[in-house]
């Protein structure tokens, strides 16, 4: 089972992911946990770091941004294997993309999320 942490300040994100991945969740392929801020994500990772395989994080959040969260994850958890981190943003600007990649992001997605493409990426990661 691939454990995925979704970090986004919009509460409806949980329902969206649970609908789009209903079959995979039910069959035990994926397990999702949701954090509604960068701070909550760090708190969760403090206790569950070794379980999380993938982090999907929004960039624009109040308080700690997704980029700051990414920097903190890479800083505080350098031990292998680090989780894969995919950044999600409604603003596909080059600067955010460049900064995310420099900070160690593995992928960069734009909102609205293309769930078919995301599902394919996750399934290929799970098989790797």
Protein backbone atom coordinates (compact mmCIF):
# COMPACT_ATOMS: atom_id res chain seq x y z
CA UNK A 1 0.00 0.00 0.00
CA UNK A 2 1.30 3.43 -0.96
CA UNK A 3 0.76 5.98 1.82
CA UNK A 4 0.18 9.49 0.45
CA UNK A 5 0.08 12.74 2.41
CA UNK A 6 -1.95 15.50 0.72
CA UNK A 7 -1.23 19.01 2.01
CA UNK A 8 -3.72 21.69 0.97
CA UNK A 9 -5.56 24.40 2.88
CA UNK A 10 -8.80 23.76 0.95
CA UNK A 11 -10.99 21.28 2.90
CA UNK A 12 -12.83 20.04 -0.24
CA UNK A 13 -9.57 18.51 -1.50
CA UNK A 14 -10.14 15.50 0.78
CA UNK A 15 -13.52 14.71 -0.79
CA UNK A 16 -12.10 15.19 -4.28
CA UNK A 17 -9.24 12.71 -3.72
CA UNK A 18 -11.48 10.20 -1.96
CA UNK A 19 -13.92 10.29 -4.89
CA UNK A 20 -11.28 10.09 -7.64
CA UNK A 21 -9.31 7.29 -5.93
CA UNK A 22 -12.29 5.44 -4.40
CA UNK A 23 -11.47 2.14 -6.12
CA UNK A 24 -7.74 2.28 -5.26
CA UNK A 25 -8.48 3.19 -1.63
CA UNK A 26 -11.04 0.40 -1.29
CA UNK A 27 -8.68 -2.18 -2.81
CA UNK A 28 -5.80 -1.05 -0.56
CA UNK A 29 -3.53 0.26 -3.32
CA UNK A 30 -3.38 3.79 -1.88
CA UNK A 31 -3.93 5.27 1.55
CA UNK A 32 -4.44 9.04 1.88
CA UNK A 33 -3.86 11.29 4.87
CA UNK A 34 -4.73 14.98 4.71
CA UNK A 35 -3.05 17.96 6.34
CA UNK A 36 -4.56 21.41 5.94
CA UNK A 37 -1.37 23.40 6.54
CA UNK A 38 2.38 23.05 6.18
CA UNK A 39 2.68 23.07 9.97
CA UNK A 40 0.17 20.20 10.33
CA UNK A 41 2.05 18.26 7.63
CA UNK A 42 5.36 18.60 9.50
CA UNK A 43 3.68 17.50 12.71
CA UNK A 44 2.25 14.42 10.97
CA UNK A 45 5.60 13.61 9.33
CA UNK A 46 7.35 13.89 12.70
CA UNK A 47 5.49 10.74 13.82
CA UNK A 48 4.91 8.95 10.50
CA UNK A 49 7.84 9.88 8.26
CA UNK A 50 8.93 6.32 7.45
CA UNK A 51 5.39 5.40 6.32
CA UNK A 52 4.82 8.23 3.84
CA UNK A 53 5.91 7.39 0.29
CA UNK A 54 4.53 10.46 -1.46
CA UNK A 55 3.67 14.01 -0.48
CA UNK A 56 1.35 16.09 -2.69
CA UNK A 57 1.55 19.68 -1.51
CA UNK A 58 -0.13 22.87 -2.60
CA UNK A 59 2.31 25.78 -2.89
CA UNK A 60 0.05 28.69 -1.93
CA UNK A 61 -1.19 28.21 1.63
CA UNK A 62 -1.59 30.63 4.53
CA UNK A 63 1.21 30.39 7.07
CA UNK A 64 3.89 28.03 5.81
CA UNK A 65 3.93 27.81 2.00
CA UNK A 66 4.36 24.53 0.18
CA UNK A 67 7.85 25.63 -0.87
CA UNK A 68 8.83 26.25 2.76
CA UNK A 69 7.35 22.85 3.68
CA UNK A 70 9.42 21.23 0.92
CA UNK A 71 12.58 22.95 2.16
CA UNK A 72 11.89 21.80 5.74
CA UNK A 73 11.17 18.20 4.68
CA UNK A 74 14.42 17.94 2.72
CA UNK A 75 16.34 19.60 5.59
CA UNK A 76 14.85 17.66 8.49
CA UNK A 77 14.62 14.25 6.84
CA UNK A 78 17.76 13.76 4.75
CA UNK A 79 17.93 10.05 5.56
CA UNK A 80 16.98 7.77 2.68
CA UNK A 81 14.62 7.02 1.29
CA UNK A 82 13.07 10.47 1.16
CA UNK A 83 9.42 10.57 0.11
CA UNK A 84 8.60 11.69 -3.40
CA UNK A 85 7.27 15.26 -3.28
CA UNK A 86 4.93 16.64 -5.95
CA UNK A 87 4.03 20.31 -5.75
CA UNK A 88 0.57 21.51 -6.83
CA UNK A 89 -0.31 25.08 -7.73
CA UNK A 90 -3.03 27.06 -9.41
CA UNK A 91 -0.35 29.45 -10.64
CA UNK A 92 1.96 27.68 -13.07
CA UNK A 93 4.57 30.41 -13.02
CA UNK A 94 8.14 29.60 -13.98
CA UNK A 95 9.61 31.04 -10.77
CA UNK A 96 7.59 28.71 -8.49
CA UNK A 97 8.44 25.76 -10.74
CA UNK A 98 12.14 26.61 -10.71
CA UNK A 99 12.18 27.14 -6.96
CA UNK A 100 10.30 23.88 -6.29
CA UNK A 101 12.75 21.90 -8.45
CA UNK A 102 15.77 23.55 -6.81
CA UNK A 103 14.37 22.63 -3.39
CA UNK A 104 14.12 18.98 -4.46
CA UNK A 105 10.56 18.52 -5.72
CA UNK A 106 10.11 15.44 -7.88
CA UNK A 107 7.22 16.77 -9.94
CA UNK A 108 5.08 19.86 -10.45
CA UNK A 109 1.33 19.74 -11.13
CA UNK A 110 -1.12 22.54 -11.91
CA UNK A 111 -4.67 22.98 -10.67
CA UNK A 112 -7.16 21.83 -11.58
CA UNK A 113 -5.37 18.54 -11.09
CA UNK A 114 -5.62 16.09 -13.98
CA UNK A 115 -6.59 13.08 -11.86
CA UNK A 116 -6.22 10.60 -14.74
CA UNK A 117 -2.60 11.64 -15.28
CA UNK A 118 -1.95 11.71 -11.52
CA UNK A 119 -3.42 8.22 -11.11
CA UNK A 120 -1.14 6.90 -13.88
CA UNK A 121 1.92 8.48 -12.20
CA UNK A 122 0.98 7.02 -8.82
CA UNK A 123 0.33 3.54 -10.20
CA UNK A 124 3.66 3.54 -12.07
CA UNK A 125 5.43 4.70 -8.86
CA UNK A 126 3.70 1.94 -6.89
CA UNK A 127 4.95 -0.68 -9.37
CA UNK A 128 8.54 0.65 -9.35
